[in-house]
Amino acid sequence: MKIDLHCHTHWSSDSRTSVVDLLETYKKRGIDCAAITDHNEIGGAIEGRQLGIIPVIIGEEVMTTQGEIIGLFLTERIPRGLSPLDTVDAIHSQGGIVLAPHPTDRFRGSALQPSALADLSPHLDMVEIFNGRTILSSDNDTASKFQQSSQAVACVGSDAHTLSEIGSCYNEIENFTDAEDFLSKMAVARLIMARSPLRVHLYSTVAKLLDRLNQGK
């Protein structure tokens, strides 16, 4: 099955994509499963699972005190603002999987700080070695080298905030039954990587501005 492990809906301030449009587009483009990983929210993932268009993994991209961490297979929302280690503990306490997204992206202010990434290395389940929105290929290469030096499993994510980003970056694995089985299948996954065009970053900037304007009404 083909699965994208990193995407966003309008539940994230930097995306305007509806949950139904997101999942219908995945289905049309042959992606069998998606982890919806909105910023500090799981509402979009819960909504997506209830729609039943394709299977949805409940995820969250959590902002810690030192950068972002993704939790997969969650049952409850993880609060933002915890330390990285406390965030990892909160994810694991739910039986979830800890994923380091875009860990070495030098232009991404939300990436885990290098010291935090080093400290968390023994506690990570997965490392995103390719992010579709990372601008420099060398930063993805550095992420891959970090993953190889750790005990974590490699994965890729489109980080889609728009429908145009869907379908070109995914993980191909055997069917899985639960989080533990998923992680074992990901250890031998086929990783399909393609970068998104730079214009998608402008889209997210505009989406954030619109979100702030709506909140100010």
N, C-alpha and C. Protein backbone atom coordinates (compact mmCIF):
# COMPACT_ATOMS: atom_id res chain seq x y z
N MET A 1 0.83 -1.19 0.00
CA MET A 1 0.00 0.00 0.00
C MET A 1 0.87 1.25 0.00
N LYS A 2 0.33 2.32 -0.57
CA LYS A 2 1.03 3.60 -0.61
C LYS A 2 0.48 4.50 0.48
N ILE A 3 1.39 5.09 1.26
CA ILE A 3 0.97 5.88 2.41
C ILE A 3 1.81 7.14 2.54
N ASP A 4 1.13 8.26 2.77
CA ASP A 4 1.80 9.54 3.04
C ASP A 4 1.71 9.79 4.54
N LEU A 5 2.83 10.08 5.17
CA LEU A 5 2.88 10.19 6.63
C LEU A 5 2.93 11.62 7.15
N HIS A 6 2.71 12.60 6.26
CA HIS A 6 2.83 13.99 6.71
C HIS A 6 2.02 14.88 5.78
N CYS A 7 0.86 15.36 6.27
CA CYS A 7 0.04 16.27 5.48
C CYS A 7 -0.83 17.11 6.40
N HIS A 8 -1.38 18.19 5.82
CA HIS A 8 -2.11 19.18 6.61
C HIS A 8 -3.44 19.55 5.97
N THR A 9 -4.38 19.94 6.83
CA THR A 9 -5.69 20.41 6.40
C THR A 9 -5.92 21.81 6.96
N HIS A 10 -7.14 22.32 6.78
CA HIS A 10 -7.46 23.65 7.29
C HIS A 10 -7.43 23.72 8.82
N TRP A 11 -7.26 22.58 9.48
CA TRP A 11 -7.06 22.60 10.93
C TRP A 11 -5.69 23.17 11.28
N SER A 12 -4.80 23.26 10.30
CA SER A 12 -3.51 23.94 10.47
C SER A 12 -3.65 25.36 9.95
N SER A 13 -3.03 26.31 10.64
CA SER A 13 -3.18 27.72 10.26
C SER A 13 -2.56 28.04 8.91
N ASP A 14 -1.65 27.19 8.43
CA ASP A 14 -0.96 27.46 7.17
C ASP A 14 -1.50 26.64 6.00
N SER A 15 -2.71 26.12 6.14
CA SER A 15 -3.35 25.38 5.06
C SER A 15 -4.82 25.75 4.97
N ARG A 16 -5.35 25.76 3.77
CA ARG A 16 -6.77 26.05 3.55
C ARG A 16 -7.49 24.83 2.98
N THR A 17 -6.83 23.68 2.98
CA THR A 17 -7.36 22.47 2.35
C THR A 17 -8.38 21.78 3.25
N SER A 18 -9.55 21.50 2.73
CA SER A 18 -10.56 20.80 3.52
C SER A 18 -10.17 19.33 3.65
N VAL A 19 -10.66 18.71 4.70
CA VAL A 19 -10.34 17.30 4.95
C VAL A 19 -10.88 16.43 3.83
N VAL A 20 -12.10 16.68 3.40
CA VAL A 20 -12.70 15.85 2.36
C VAL A 20 -11.95 16.00 1.04
N ASP A 21 -11.56 17.23 0.68
CA ASP A 21 -10.82 17.43 -0.57
C ASP A 21 -9.45 16.75 -0.50
N LEU A 22 -8.81 16.83 0.65
CA LEU A 22 -7.51 16.19 0.83
C LEU A 22 -7.61 14.69 0.57
N LEU A 23 -8.57 14.04 1.23
CA LEU A 23 -8.66 12.59 1.13
C LEU A 23 -9.19 12.13 -0.22
N GLU A 24 -10.09 12.88 -0.81
CA GLU A 24 -10.56 12.53 -2.15
C GLU A 24 -9.42 12.62 -3.16
N THR A 25 -8.52 13.59 -2.97
CA THR A 25 -7.38 13.73 -3.87
C THR A 25 -6.39 12.59 -3.69
N TYR A 26 -6.14 12.21 -2.45
CA TYR A 26 -5.29 11.04 -2.22
C TYR A 26 -5.87 9.81 -2.94
N LYS A 27 -7.15 9.61 -2.80
CA LYS A 27 -7.79 8.45 -3.43
C LYS A 27 -7.65 8.50 -4.94
N LYS A 28 -7.89 9.66 -5.54
CA LYS A 28 -7.80 9.80 -6.99
C LYS A 28 -6.38 9.55 -7.50
N ARG A 29 -5.39 9.87 -6.67
CA ARG A 29 -3.99 9.75 -7.10
C ARG A 29 -3.33 8.45 -6.63
N GLY A 30 -4.14 7.52 -6.15
CA GLY A 30 -3.65 6.18 -5.87
C GLY A 30 -2.92 6.01 -4.56
N ILE A 31 -3.10 6.95 -3.63
CA ILE A 31 -2.52 6.81 -2.30
C ILE A 31 -3.55 6.13 -1.41
N ASP A 32 -3.16 5.04 -0.77
CA ASP A 32 -4.11 4.18 -0.05
C ASP A 32 -4.40 4.59 1.38
N CYS A 33 -3.50 5.37 1.98
CA CYS A 33 -3.63 5.72 3.39
C CYS A 33 -2.86 7.01 3.65
N ALA A 34 -3.34 7.81 4.59
CA ALA A 34 -2.65 9.06 4.92
C ALA A 34 -2.65 9.28 6.42
N ALA A 35 -1.54 9.80 6.92
CA ALA A 35 -1.47 10.28 8.30
C ALA A 35 -1.70 11.78 8.25
N ILE A 36 -2.81 12.23 8.79
CA ILE A 36 -3.09 13.67 8.86
C ILE A 36 -2.41 14.20 10.11
N THR A 37 -1.50 15.16 9.91
CA THR A 37 -0.63 15.61 10.99
C THR A 37 -0.70 17.13 11.14
N ASP A 38 -1.88 17.63 11.45
CA ASP A 38 -2.03 19.08 11.58
C ASP A 38 -1.22 19.62 12.75
N HIS A 39 -0.92 20.91 12.68
CA HIS A 39 -0.13 21.55 13.72
C HIS A 39 -0.92 21.64 15.02
N ASN A 40 -0.47 20.91 16.02
CA ASN A 40 -1.02 20.99 17.38
C ASN A 40 -2.51 20.66 17.44
N GLU A 41 -2.98 19.87 16.50
CA GLU A 41 -4.40 19.50 16.44
C GLU A 41 -4.55 18.08 15.91
N ILE A 42 -5.59 17.38 16.37
CA ILE A 42 -5.92 16.08 15.80
C ILE A 42 -7.35 16.05 15.25
N GLY A 43 -8.03 17.20 15.32
CA GLY A 43 -9.42 17.25 14.86
C GLY A 43 -9.58 16.89 13.39
N GLY A 44 -8.65 17.35 12.55
CA GLY A 44 -8.73 17.04 11.14
C GLY A 44 -8.54 15.56 10.87
N ALA A 45 -7.64 14.94 11.63
CA ALA A 45 -7.41 13.50 11.46
C ALA A 45 -8.63 12.70 11.91
N ILE A 46 -9.24 13.10 13.01
CA ILE A 46 -10.45 12.42 13.49
C ILE A 46 -11.57 12.56 12.47
N GLU A 47 -11.74 13.78 11.94
CA GLU A 47 -12.75 14.01 10.91
C GLU A 47 -12.48 13.13 9.70
N GLY A 48 -11.22 13.04 9.30
CA GLY A 48 -10.85 12.24 8.14
C GLY A 48 -11.14 10.77 8.33
N ARG A 49 -10.86 10.27 9.51
CA ARG A 49 -11.14 8.86 9.79
C ARG A 49 -12.64 8.59 9.72
N GLN A 50 -13.43 9.51 10.23
CA GLN A 50 -14.88 9.33 10.23
C GLN A 50 -15.46 9.36 8.82
N LEU A 51 -14.82 10.09 7.92
CA LEU A 51 -15.32 10.16 6.54
C LEU A 51 -15.20 8.82 5.82
N GLY A 52 -14.15 8.06 6.12
CA GLY A 52 -14.00 6.73 5.56
C GLY A 52 -13.64 6.69 4.08
N ILE A 53 -13.08 7.77 3.56
CA ILE A 53 -12.72 7.81 2.14
C ILE A 53 -11.52 6.91 1.87
N ILE A 54 -10.48 7.05 2.69
CA ILE A 54 -9.34 6.13 2.74
C ILE A 54 -8.97 5.99 4.21
N PRO A 55 -8.23 4.94 4.59
CA PRO A 55 -7.79 4.83 5.98
C PRO A 55 -6.93 6.02 6.39
N VAL A 56 -7.14 6.50 7.60
CA VAL A 56 -6.41 7.66 8.13
C VAL A 56 -5.74 7.31 9.45
N ILE A 57 -4.46 7.63 9.55
CA ILE A 57 -3.72 7.52 10.82
C ILE A 57 -3.84 8.86 11.52
N ILE A 58 -4.25 8.82 12.78
CA ILE A 58 -4.37 10.05 13.54
C ILE A 58 -3.00 10.50 14.01
N GLY A 59 -2.59 11.66 13.50
CA GLY A 59 -1.29 12.20 13.84
C GLY A 59 -1.39 13.65 14.27
N GLU A 60 -0.26 14.19 14.70
CA GLU A 60 -0.19 15.59 15.12
C GLU A 60 1.26 16.05 15.02
N GLU A 61 1.46 17.22 14.43
CA GLU A 61 2.79 17.83 14.41
C GLU A 61 2.84 18.81 15.57
N VAL A 62 3.52 18.41 16.63
CA VAL A 62 3.47 19.12 17.90
C VAL A 62 4.66 20.08 18.01
N MET A 63 4.38 21.33 18.35
CA MET A 63 5.45 22.28 18.60
C MET A 63 5.90 22.17 20.06
N THR A 64 7.13 21.73 20.24
CA THR A 64 7.71 21.64 21.58
C THR A 64 8.47 22.93 21.88
N THR A 65 9.14 22.96 23.00
CA THR A 65 9.93 24.14 23.35
C THR A 65 11.18 24.27 22.47
N GLN A 66 11.49 23.19 21.71
CA GLN A 66 12.70 23.23 20.89
C GLN A 66 12.46 22.69 19.47
N GLY A 67 11.25 22.88 18.98
CA GLY A 67 10.96 22.46 17.62
C GLY A 67 9.89 21.39 17.54
N GLU A 68 9.56 20.98 16.31
CA GLU A 68 8.40 20.12 16.07
C GLU A 68 8.74 18.63 16.11
N ILE A 69 7.78 17.87 16.62
CA ILE A 69 7.82 16.41 16.64
C ILE A 69 6.46 15.92 16.17
N ILE A 70 6.44 14.88 15.35
CA ILE A 70 5.17 14.28 14.93
C ILE A 70 4.88 13.04 15.76
N GLY A 71 3.65 12.94 16.22
CA GLY A 71 3.16 11.73 16.84
C GLY A 71 2.17 11.04 15.91
N LEU A 72 2.30 9.75 15.74
CA LEU A 72 1.38 8.96 14.90
C LEU A 72 0.67 7.93 15.75
N PHE A 73 -0.52 7.50 15.31
CA PHE A 73 -1.35 6.53 16.02
C PHE A 73 -1.75 7.07 17.39
N LEU A 74 -2.16 8.33 17.41
CA LEU A 74 -2.57 8.97 18.66
C LEU A 74 -4.04 8.70 18.96
N THR A 75 -4.36 8.79 20.23
CA THR A 75 -5.76 8.72 20.67
C THR A 75 -6.21 10.03 21.30
N GLU A 76 -5.24 10.85 21.71
CA GLU A 76 -5.54 12.15 22.31
C GLU A 76 -4.56 13.20 21.79
N ARG A 77 -5.02 14.44 21.78
CA ARG A 77 -4.17 15.56 21.37
C ARG A 77 -3.04 15.77 22.38
N ILE A 78 -1.83 16.01 21.86
CA ILE A 78 -0.68 16.34 22.69
C ILE A 78 -0.60 17.86 22.80
N PRO A 79 -0.53 18.44 23.99
CA PRO A 79 -0.45 19.89 24.09
C PRO A 79 0.88 20.43 23.56
N ARG A 80 0.84 21.59 22.95
CA ARG A 80 2.06 22.23 22.50
C ARG A 80 2.79 22.84 23.71
N GLY A 81 4.09 23.13 23.53
CA GLY A 81 4.83 23.83 24.56
C GLY A 81 5.50 22.94 25.59
N LEU A 82 5.40 21.62 25.45
CA LEU A 82 6.14 20.72 26.33
C LEU A 82 7.58 20.63 25.86
N SER A 83 8.45 20.12 26.71
CA SER A 83 9.82 19.86 26.28
C SER A 83 9.81 18.73 25.26
N PRO A 84 10.85 18.63 24.44
CA PRO A 84 10.89 17.53 23.48
C PRO A 84 10.76 16.16 24.13
N LEU A 85 11.46 15.94 25.23
CA LEU A 85 11.40 14.62 25.88
C LEU A 85 10.02 14.36 26.47
N ASP A 86 9.40 15.38 27.06
CA ASP A 86 8.05 15.20 27.59
C ASP A 86 7.04 14.92 26.47
N THR A 87 7.27 15.54 25.32
CA THR A 87 6.40 15.29 24.17
C THR A 87 6.55 13.85 23.70
N VAL A 88 7.79 13.38 23.62
CA VAL A 88 8.04 11.98 23.25
C VAL A 88 7.35 11.04 24.23
N ASP A 89 7.48 11.32 25.51
CA ASP A 89 6.85 10.47 26.53
C ASP A 89 5.33 10.47 26.39
N ALA A 90 4.76 11.64 26.08
CA ALA A 90 3.30 11.74 25.92
C ALA A 90 2.82 10.92 24.73
N ILE A 91 3.60 10.91 23.65
CA ILE A 91 3.25 10.12 22.46
C ILE A 91 3.36 8.63 22.77
N HIS A 92 4.47 8.23 23.37
CA HIS A 92 4.67 6.81 23.67
C HIS A 92 3.66 6.30 24.70
N SER A 93 3.20 7.17 25.60
CA SER A 93 2.23 6.74 26.61
C SER A 93 0.90 6.36 25.99
N GLN A 94 0.63 6.86 24.77
CA GLN A 94 -0.59 6.50 24.04
C GLN A 94 -0.37 5.30 23.11
N GLY A 95 0.83 4.73 23.15
CA GLY A 95 1.14 3.66 22.21
C GLY A 95 1.46 4.18 20.84
N GLY A 96 1.79 5.49 20.76
CA GLY A 96 2.06 6.12 19.48
C GLY A 96 3.51 6.00 19.04
N ILE A 97 3.75 6.48 17.84
CA ILE A 97 5.07 6.44 17.20
C ILE A 97 5.61 7.86 17.10
N VAL A 98 6.87 8.03 17.47
CA VAL A 98 7.53 9.34 17.45
C VAL A 98 8.33 9.49 16.16
N LEU A 99 8.04 10.55 15.42
CA LEU A 99 8.68 10.81 14.13
C LEU A 99 9.29 12.21 14.16
N ALA A 100 10.55 12.32 13.74
CA ALA A 100 11.21 13.62 13.62
C ALA A 100 11.01 14.16 12.21
N PRO A 101 10.18 15.20 12.02
CA PRO A 101 9.95 15.73 10.67
C PRO A 101 11.03 16.75 10.29
N HIS A 102 11.34 16.78 8.98
CA HIS A 102 12.31 17.75 8.44
C HIS A 102 13.38 18.13 9.48
N PRO A 103 14.13 17.15 10.00
CA PRO A 103 14.97 17.40 11.18
C PRO A 103 16.18 18.29 10.94
N THR A 104 16.63 18.41 9.69
CA THR A 104 17.84 19.19 9.43
C THR A 104 17.62 20.27 8.38
N ASP A 105 16.39 20.74 8.27
CA ASP A 105 16.04 21.78 7.30
C ASP A 105 16.48 23.14 7.85
N ARG A 106 17.51 23.72 7.26
CA ARG A 106 18.10 24.94 7.81
C ARG A 106 17.21 26.17 7.65
N PHE A 107 16.23 26.10 6.73
CA PHE A 107 15.32 27.23 6.52
C PHE A 107 14.02 27.10 7.32
N ARG A 108 13.88 26.00 8.02
CA ARG A 108 12.65 25.72 8.74
C ARG A 108 12.84 26.08 10.22
N GLY A 109 12.28 27.20 10.63
CA GLY A 109 12.43 27.63 12.02
C GLY A 109 11.78 26.68 13.00
N SER A 110 10.86 25.86 12.51
CA SER A 110 10.15 24.93 13.39
C SER A 110 10.86 23.59 13.55
N ALA A 111 11.95 23.38 12.83
CA ALA A 111 12.68 22.11 12.94
C ALA A 111 13.27 21.96 14.34
N LEU A 112 13.42 20.73 14.78
CA LEU A 112 14.04 20.50 16.08
C LEU A 112 15.42 21.13 16.11
N GLN A 113 15.72 21.79 17.21
CA GLN A 113 17.05 22.36 17.38
C GLN A 113 18.07 21.23 17.41
N PRO A 114 19.27 21.47 16.86
CA PRO A 114 20.27 20.40 16.78
C PRO A 114 20.56 19.71 18.10
N SER A 115 20.63 20.45 19.19
CA SER A 115 20.91 19.83 20.49
C SER A 115 19.77 18.93 20.91
N ALA A 116 18.53 19.36 20.65
CA ALA A 116 17.36 18.54 21.00
C ALA A 116 17.31 17.29 20.14
N LEU A 117 17.64 17.42 18.86
CA LEU A 117 17.64 16.27 17.95
C LEU A 117 18.66 15.23 18.42
N ALA A 118 19.82 15.70 18.82
CA ALA A 118 20.86 14.78 19.31
C ALA A 118 20.41 14.08 20.59
N ASP A 119 19.79 14.83 21.49
CA ASP A 119 19.34 14.25 22.76
C ASP A 119 18.23 13.23 22.55
N LEU A 120 17.39 13.48 21.54
CA LEU A 120 16.24 12.60 21.30
C LEU A 120 16.58 11.37 20.46
N SER A 121 17.75 11.35 19.88
CA SER A 121 18.11 10.27 18.96
C SER A 121 17.78 8.87 19.49
N PRO A 122 18.07 8.55 20.76
CA PRO A 122 17.74 7.20 21.24
C PRO A 122 16.25 6.94 21.40
N HIS A 123 15.44 8.00 21.39
CA HIS A 123 14.01 7.87 21.68
C HIS A 123 13.13 7.95 20.43
N LEU A 124 13.73 8.22 19.28
CA LEU A 124 12.96 8.37 18.05
C LEU A 124 12.64 7.01 17.44
N ASP A 125 11.40 6.88 16.96
CA ASP A 125 11.00 5.67 16.23
C ASP A 125 11.26 5.82 14.74
N MET A 126 11.06 7.04 14.21
CA MET A 126 11.20 7.28 12.78
C MET A 126 11.83 8.64 12.53
N VAL A 127 12.54 8.74 11.43
CA VAL A 127 13.12 10.01 10.99
C VAL A 127 12.70 10.25 9.54
N GLU A 128 12.20 11.44 9.27
CA GLU A 128 11.81 11.82 7.92
C GLU A 128 13.09 12.20 7.15
N ILE A 129 13.55 11.30 6.31
CA ILE A 129 14.80 11.54 5.59
C ILE A 129 14.58 12.35 4.32
N PHE A 130 13.31 12.51 3.94
CA PHE A 130 12.98 13.34 2.78
C PHE A 130 11.64 14.01 3.05
N ASN A 131 11.64 15.34 2.96
CA ASN A 131 10.43 16.13 3.12
C ASN A 131 10.18 16.86 1.82
N GLY A 132 8.98 16.73 1.28
CA GLY A 132 8.68 17.30 -0.02
C GLY A 132 8.79 18.80 -0.08
N ARG A 133 8.77 19.46 1.07
CA ARG A 133 8.84 20.92 1.11
C ARG A 133 10.23 21.43 1.48
N THR A 134 11.16 20.56 1.78
CA THR A 134 12.51 21.02 2.09
C THR A 134 13.16 21.55 0.83
N ILE A 135 13.65 22.77 0.90
CA ILE A 135 14.13 23.47 -0.30
C ILE A 135 15.45 22.89 -0.82
N LEU A 136 16.41 22.66 0.08
CA LEU A 136 17.72 22.20 -0.34
C LEU A 136 17.82 20.68 -0.23
N SER A 137 18.21 20.04 -1.32
CA SER A 137 18.37 18.58 -1.30
C SER A 137 19.44 18.16 -0.31
N SER A 138 20.43 19.02 -0.09
CA SER A 138 21.50 18.69 0.86
C SER A 138 20.96 18.56 2.28
N ASP A 139 19.89 19.30 2.61
CA ASP A 139 19.30 19.18 3.94
C ASP A 139 18.61 17.84 4.11
N ASN A 140 17.95 17.35 3.04
CA ASN A 140 17.39 16.00 3.09
C ASN A 140 18.50 14.96 3.20
N ASP A 141 19.61 15.20 2.51
CA ASP A 141 20.74 14.27 2.61
C ASP A 141 21.28 14.21 4.03
N THR A 142 21.35 15.35 4.69
CA THR A 142 21.82 15.39 6.08
C THR A 142 20.87 14.64 7.00
N ALA A 143 19.58 14.77 6.74
CA ALA A 143 18.58 14.03 7.52
C ALA A 143 18.77 12.54 7.36
N SER A 144 19.07 12.11 6.13
CA SER A 144 19.30 10.69 5.87
C SER A 144 20.52 10.18 6.63
N LYS A 145 21.58 10.98 6.65
CA LYS A 145 22.78 10.58 7.38
C LYS A 145 22.51 10.48 8.87
N PHE A 146 21.70 11.42 9.40
CA PHE A 146 21.35 11.36 10.82
C PHE A 146 20.57 10.08 11.11
N GLN A 147 19.62 9.76 10.24
CA GLN A 147 18.82 8.55 10.44
C GLN A 147 19.69 7.30 10.45
N GLN A 148 20.65 7.25 9.56
CA GLN A 148 21.53 6.08 9.48
C GLN A 148 22.39 5.92 10.73
N SER A 149 22.67 7.03 11.40
CA SER A 149 23.48 6.97 12.62
C SER A 149 22.65 6.66 13.86
N SER A 150 21.33 6.68 13.71
CA SER A 150 20.43 6.40 14.82
C SER A 150 19.83 5.01 14.68
N GLN A 151 18.96 4.66 15.60
CA GLN A 151 18.26 3.38 15.52
C GLN A 151 16.87 3.54 14.91
N ALA A 152 16.56 4.74 14.45
CA ALA A 152 15.21 5.04 13.96
C ALA A 152 15.01 4.54 12.53
N VAL A 153 13.75 4.30 12.17
CA VAL A 153 13.36 3.85 10.84
C VAL A 153 13.21 5.05 9.92
N ALA A 154 13.63 4.91 8.67
CA ALA A 154 13.52 5.99 7.69
C ALA A 154 12.10 6.07 7.12
N CYS A 155 11.68 7.29 6.82
CA CYS A 155 10.40 7.50 6.14
C CYS A 155 10.47 8.79 5.34
N VAL A 156 9.47 9.00 4.49
CA VAL A 156 9.36 10.24 3.74
C VAL A 156 7.96 10.81 3.94
N GLY A 157 7.82 12.11 3.70
CA GLY A 157 6.52 12.75 3.82
C GLY A 157 6.39 13.90 2.84
N SER A 158 5.23 14.05 2.24
CA SER A 158 5.02 15.15 1.30
C SER A 158 4.95 16.48 2.03
N ASP A 159 4.45 16.46 3.29
CA ASP A 159 4.19 17.69 4.04
C ASP A 159 3.18 18.55 3.30
N ALA A 160 2.26 17.90 2.59
CA ALA A 160 1.31 18.60 1.72
C ALA A 160 0.41 19.54 2.52
N HIS A 161 0.36 20.79 2.05
CA HIS A 161 -0.59 21.77 2.56
C HIS A 161 -1.60 22.14 1.47
N THR A 162 -1.30 21.74 0.25
CA THR A 162 -2.17 22.01 -0.90
C THR A 162 -2.42 20.72 -1.66
N LEU A 163 -3.46 20.71 -2.47
CA LEU A 163 -3.81 19.50 -3.22
C LEU A 163 -2.77 19.19 -4.29
N SER A 164 -2.08 20.20 -4.80
CA SER A 164 -1.09 19.97 -5.86
C SER A 164 0.10 19.15 -5.38
N GLU A 165 0.33 19.08 -4.07
CA GLU A 165 1.49 18.38 -3.52
C GLU A 165 1.25 16.89 -3.30
N ILE A 166 0.03 16.46 -3.49
CA ILE A 166 -0.36 15.10 -3.12
C ILE A 166 -0.02 14.10 -4.22
N GLY A 167 0.56 12.97 -3.81
CA GLY A 167 0.70 11.83 -4.70
C GLY A 167 2.08 11.56 -5.25
N SER A 168 3.02 12.49 -5.07
CA SER A 168 4.35 12.29 -5.65
C SER A 168 5.39 11.87 -4.62
N CYS A 169 5.04 11.90 -3.36
CA CYS A 169 5.99 11.56 -2.29
C CYS A 169 5.25 10.66 -1.30
N TYR A 170 5.70 9.40 -1.19
CA TYR A 170 4.98 8.47 -0.32
C TYR A 170 5.86 7.28 0.05
N ASN A 171 5.36 6.48 0.99
CA ASN A 171 6.03 5.25 1.43
C ASN A 171 5.20 4.07 0.93
N GLU A 172 5.86 3.06 0.38
CA GLU A 172 5.15 1.88 -0.11
C GLU A 172 5.49 0.70 0.80
N ILE A 173 4.47 0.16 1.48
CA ILE A 173 4.68 -0.90 2.47
C ILE A 173 3.60 -1.97 2.32
N GLU A 174 3.82 -3.08 3.01
CA GLU A 174 2.79 -4.12 3.10
C GLU A 174 1.70 -3.64 4.05
N ASN A 175 0.51 -4.21 3.93
CA ASN A 175 -0.58 -3.88 4.84
C ASN A 175 -0.17 -4.12 6.29
N PHE A 176 -0.68 -3.30 7.19
CA PHE A 176 -0.31 -3.41 8.60
C PHE A 176 -1.57 -3.46 9.46
N THR A 177 -1.40 -3.92 10.69
CA THR A 177 -2.54 -4.10 11.59
C THR A 177 -2.59 -3.07 12.71
N ASP A 178 -1.43 -2.66 13.21
CA ASP A 178 -1.38 -1.71 14.33
C ASP A 178 -0.06 -0.95 14.27
N ALA A 179 0.18 -0.11 15.27
CA ALA A 179 1.38 0.73 15.27
C ALA A 179 2.66 -0.09 15.25
N GLU A 180 2.70 -1.13 16.05
CA GLU A 180 3.91 -1.96 16.12
C GLU A 180 4.17 -2.65 14.78
N ASP A 181 3.11 -3.20 14.18
CA ASP A 181 3.25 -3.86 12.89
C ASP A 181 3.63 -2.85 11.81
N PHE A 182 3.04 -1.67 11.88
CA PHE A 182 3.37 -0.60 10.93
C PHE A 182 4.86 -0.28 10.97
N LEU A 183 5.43 -0.13 12.16
CA LEU A 183 6.84 0.22 12.29
C LEU A 183 7.73 -0.87 11.71
N SER A 184 7.36 -2.12 11.93
CA SER A 184 8.16 -3.22 11.37
C SER A 184 8.08 -3.25 9.85
N LYS A 185 6.91 -2.94 9.30
CA LYS A 185 6.76 -2.90 7.85
C LYS A 185 7.51 -1.71 7.25
N MET A 186 7.54 -0.60 7.97
CA MET A 186 8.25 0.58 7.48
C MET A 186 9.76 0.35 7.42
N ALA A 187 10.26 -0.57 8.20
CA ALA A 187 11.71 -0.84 8.20
C ALA A 187 12.19 -1.35 6.85
N VAL A 188 11.26 -1.89 6.04
CA VAL A 188 11.63 -2.40 4.71
C VAL A 188 10.79 -1.72 3.63
N ALA A 189 10.36 -0.51 3.90
CA ALA A 189 9.50 0.21 2.96
C ALA A 189 10.28 0.68 1.73
N ARG A 190 9.54 0.87 0.66
CA ARG A 190 10.08 1.52 -0.55
C ARG A 190 9.69 3.00 -0.47
N LEU A 191 10.67 3.87 -0.54
CA LEU A 191 10.44 5.30 -0.33
C LEU A 191 10.47 6.04 -1.67
N ILE A 192 9.37 6.72 -1.97
CA ILE A 192 9.24 7.46 -3.22
C ILE A 192 9.34 8.95 -2.91
N MET A 193 10.31 9.63 -3.53
CA MET A 193 10.62 11.01 -3.15
C MET A 193 10.52 11.97 -4.33
N ALA A 194 9.81 13.07 -4.11
CA ALA A 194 9.74 14.13 -5.12
C ALA A 194 9.48 15.45 -4.40
N ARG A 195 10.24 16.47 -4.76
CA ARG A 195 10.09 17.77 -4.12
C ARG A 195 8.94 18.57 -4.72
N SER A 196 8.30 19.36 -3.87
CA SER A 196 7.24 20.26 -4.33
C SER A 196 7.85 21.55 -4.85
N PRO A 197 7.15 22.26 -5.75
CA PRO A 197 7.67 23.54 -6.25
C PRO A 197 7.72 24.59 -5.15
N LEU A 198 8.60 25.56 -5.31
CA LEU A 198 8.81 26.57 -4.27
C LEU A 198 7.55 27.41 -4.01
N ARG A 199 6.66 27.50 -4.99
CA ARG A 199 5.47 28.35 -4.82
C ARG A 199 4.57 27.89 -3.68
N VAL A 200 4.69 26.63 -3.25
CA VAL A 200 3.80 26.15 -2.18
C VAL A 200 4.10 26.86 -0.86
N HIS A 201 5.33 27.36 -0.70
CA HIS A 201 5.66 28.09 0.53
C HIS A 201 4.93 29.44 0.57
N LEU A 202 4.78 30.06 -0.59
CA LEU A 202 4.02 31.31 -0.66
C LEU A 202 2.57 31.06 -0.28
N TYR A 203 2.03 29.94 -0.75
CA TYR A 203 0.64 29.58 -0.41
C TYR A 203 0.46 29.52 1.11
N SER A 204 1.38 28.87 1.80
CA SER A 204 1.26 28.71 3.25
C SER A 204 1.39 30.04 3.97
N THR A 205 2.24 30.92 3.45
CA THR A 205 2.38 32.26 4.04
C THR A 205 1.07 33.02 3.94
N VAL A 206 0.45 32.96 2.77
CA VAL A 206 -0.84 33.63 2.57
C VAL A 206 -1.90 33.01 3.47
N ALA A 207 -1.90 31.69 3.59
CA ALA A 207 -2.88 31.01 4.44
C ALA A 207 -2.76 31.46 5.89
N LYS A 208 -1.54 31.62 6.36
CA LYS A 208 -1.32 32.10 7.73
C LYS A 208 -1.87 33.51 7.91
N LEU A 209 -1.62 34.37 6.94
CA LEU A 209 -2.11 35.75 7.03
C LEU A 209 -3.64 35.79 7.06
N LEU A 210 -4.26 34.97 6.22
CA LEU A 210 -5.73 34.91 6.20
C LEU A 210 -6.27 34.39 7.52
N ASP A 211 -5.58 33.40 8.10
CA ASP A 211 -5.99 32.86 9.38
C ASP A 211 -5.94 33.92 10.47
N ARG A 212 -4.88 34.73 10.46
CA ARG A 212 -4.75 35.79 11.47
C ARG A 212 -5.82 36.85 11.29
N LEU A 213 -6.12 37.17 10.02
CA LEU A 213 -7.17 38.15 9.76
C LEU A 213 -8.51 37.65 10.24
N ASN A 214 -8.80 36.37 10.02
CA ASN A 214 -10.07 35.79 10.47
C ASN A 214 -10.17 35.78 11.98
N GLN A 215 -9.05 35.52 12.66
CA GLN A 215 -9.06 35.51 14.11
C GLN A 215 -9.26 36.90 14.68
N GLY A 216 -8.86 37.92 13.89
CA GLY A 216 -8.99 39.30 14.38
C GLY A 216 -10.36 39.89 14.19
N LYS A 217 -11.24 39.17 13.50
CA LYS A 217 -12.61 39.69 13.27
C LYS A 217 -13.41 39.69 14.56
